[in-house]
N, C-alpha and C. Protein backbone atom coordinates (compact mmCIF):
# COMPACT_ATOMS: atom_id res chain seq x y z
N THR A 1 2.57 15.04 -2.19
CA THR A 1 2.26 14.71 -0.81
C THR A 1 2.29 13.20 -0.62
N THR A 2 2.28 12.76 0.62
CA THR A 2 2.19 11.34 0.97
C THR A 2 1.31 11.22 2.21
N VAL A 3 0.96 10.00 2.57
CA VAL A 3 0.22 9.75 3.82
C VAL A 3 1.16 8.96 4.73
N HIS A 4 1.42 9.50 5.93
CA HIS A 4 2.33 8.87 6.88
C HIS A 4 1.54 8.38 8.08
N TRP A 5 1.77 7.12 8.44
CA TRP A 5 1.05 6.46 9.52
C TRP A 5 1.88 6.49 10.80
N HIS A 6 1.25 6.72 11.93
CA HIS A 6 1.93 6.68 13.23
C HIS A 6 1.43 5.48 14.03
N GLY A 7 2.37 4.68 14.53
CA GLY A 7 2.03 3.57 15.40
C GLY A 7 1.75 2.26 14.69
N LEU A 8 1.64 2.27 13.37
CA LEU A 8 1.41 1.02 12.63
C LEU A 8 2.74 0.48 12.16
N ARG A 9 3.08 -0.71 12.60
CA ARG A 9 4.35 -1.33 12.20
C ARG A 9 4.29 -1.73 10.73
N GLN A 10 5.31 -1.39 10.01
CA GLN A 10 5.38 -1.71 8.58
C GLN A 10 6.37 -2.85 8.38
N ASN A 11 6.05 -4.02 8.92
CA ASN A 11 6.91 -5.18 8.78
C ASN A 11 6.86 -5.71 7.35
N GLY A 12 7.96 -5.55 6.62
CA GLY A 12 8.03 -6.03 5.25
C GLY A 12 7.41 -5.10 4.23
N THR A 13 6.87 -3.97 4.67
CA THR A 13 6.25 -3.02 3.74
C THR A 13 6.71 -1.59 4.05
N MET A 14 8.00 -1.42 4.28
CA MET A 14 8.52 -0.10 4.64
C MET A 14 8.19 0.96 3.59
N GLU A 15 8.06 0.56 2.33
CA GLU A 15 7.75 1.53 1.28
C GLU A 15 6.33 2.08 1.42
N MET A 16 5.53 1.51 2.32
CA MET A 16 4.16 1.98 2.55
C MET A 16 4.08 2.92 3.75
N ASP A 17 5.21 3.27 4.36
CA ASP A 17 5.21 4.11 5.55
C ASP A 17 4.89 5.56 5.25
N GLY A 18 5.08 5.98 4.00
CA GLY A 18 4.66 7.31 3.59
C GLY A 18 5.55 8.46 4.02
N VAL A 19 6.81 8.19 4.31
CA VAL A 19 7.72 9.28 4.66
C VAL A 19 8.25 9.89 3.36
N ASN A 20 7.77 11.07 3.06
CA ASN A 20 8.09 11.76 1.81
C ASN A 20 9.60 11.94 1.64
N GLY A 21 10.13 11.43 0.54
CA GLY A 21 11.54 11.57 0.24
C GLY A 21 12.44 10.57 0.94
N VAL A 22 11.87 9.73 1.82
CA VAL A 22 12.67 8.73 2.53
C VAL A 22 12.25 7.32 2.11
N THR A 23 10.98 6.97 2.34
CA THR A 23 10.51 5.65 1.95
C THR A 23 9.65 5.67 0.69
N GLN A 24 9.30 6.87 0.22
CA GLN A 24 8.46 6.96 -0.97
C GLN A 24 8.60 8.33 -1.60
N CYS A 25 8.46 8.38 -2.90
CA CYS A 25 8.44 9.66 -3.63
C CYS A 25 7.08 10.31 -3.40
N PRO A 26 7.03 11.64 -3.47
CA PRO A 26 5.75 12.32 -3.29
C PRO A 26 4.75 11.91 -4.37
N ILE A 27 3.48 11.92 -4.02
CA ILE A 27 2.41 11.66 -4.97
C ILE A 27 2.11 12.98 -5.68
N ALA A 28 2.23 12.98 -6.98
CA ALA A 28 2.04 14.21 -7.77
C ALA A 28 0.57 14.62 -7.79
N PRO A 29 0.31 15.93 -7.97
CA PRO A 29 -1.08 16.38 -8.09
C PRO A 29 -1.79 15.62 -9.22
N ASN A 30 -3.04 15.29 -9.00
CA ASN A 30 -3.88 14.56 -9.95
C ASN A 30 -3.39 13.14 -10.22
N ASP A 31 -2.47 12.63 -9.40
CA ASP A 31 -2.00 11.26 -9.53
C ASP A 31 -2.59 10.45 -8.38
N THR A 32 -2.46 9.13 -8.45
CA THR A 32 -2.99 8.28 -7.39
C THR A 32 -1.92 7.32 -6.90
N PHE A 33 -2.11 6.81 -5.70
CA PHE A 33 -1.23 5.81 -5.12
C PHE A 33 -2.07 4.99 -4.16
N THR A 34 -1.97 3.68 -4.23
CA THR A 34 -2.71 2.80 -3.33
C THR A 34 -1.76 2.22 -2.31
N TYR A 35 -2.01 2.51 -1.03
CA TYR A 35 -1.22 1.93 0.06
C TYR A 35 -1.76 0.53 0.34
N GLU A 36 -0.86 -0.45 0.40
CA GLU A 36 -1.27 -1.82 0.69
C GLU A 36 -0.36 -2.40 1.77
N PHE A 37 -0.95 -2.68 2.94
CA PHE A 37 -0.22 -3.32 4.03
C PHE A 37 -1.24 -3.95 4.96
N ARG A 38 -0.78 -4.86 5.79
CA ARG A 38 -1.66 -5.50 6.78
C ARG A 38 -1.51 -4.79 8.12
N ALA A 39 -2.61 -4.32 8.65
CA ALA A 39 -2.62 -3.69 9.97
C ALA A 39 -2.86 -4.79 11.00
N LEU A 40 -1.80 -5.21 11.67
CA LEU A 40 -1.90 -6.32 12.61
C LEU A 40 -2.15 -5.88 14.04
N GLN A 41 -1.93 -4.61 14.35
CA GLN A 41 -2.18 -4.11 15.70
C GLN A 41 -3.61 -3.58 15.78
N TYR A 42 -4.15 -3.52 16.95
CA TYR A 42 -5.44 -2.90 17.16
C TYR A 42 -5.25 -1.70 18.06
N GLY A 43 -6.12 -0.73 17.97
CA GLY A 43 -6.04 0.46 18.79
C GLY A 43 -6.39 1.69 17.98
N THR A 44 -6.07 2.83 18.53
CA THR A 44 -6.32 4.11 17.87
C THR A 44 -5.00 4.65 17.36
N PHE A 45 -4.91 4.90 16.08
CA PHE A 45 -3.69 5.41 15.46
C PHE A 45 -4.04 6.64 14.63
N TRP A 46 -3.06 7.40 14.27
CA TRP A 46 -3.34 8.57 13.45
C TRP A 46 -2.39 8.62 12.27
N TYR A 47 -2.79 9.40 11.28
CA TYR A 47 -2.00 9.57 10.06
C TYR A 47 -2.14 11.01 9.59
N HIS A 48 -1.22 11.42 8.77
CA HIS A 48 -1.26 12.78 8.22
C HIS A 48 -0.55 12.79 6.89
N SER A 49 -0.75 13.86 6.15
CA SER A 49 -0.07 13.99 4.86
C SER A 49 0.90 15.15 4.90
């Protein structure tokens, strides 16, 4: 699985967008992944896996 963010611009960190099979490989069961990016916009956004 991955975590995909909606509405957050990924300027320079496209690999953190969380699109499974497009910008990142799936996170395997019992494995970990740390998303690192700067959230420069303010507001209400949503994410899903």
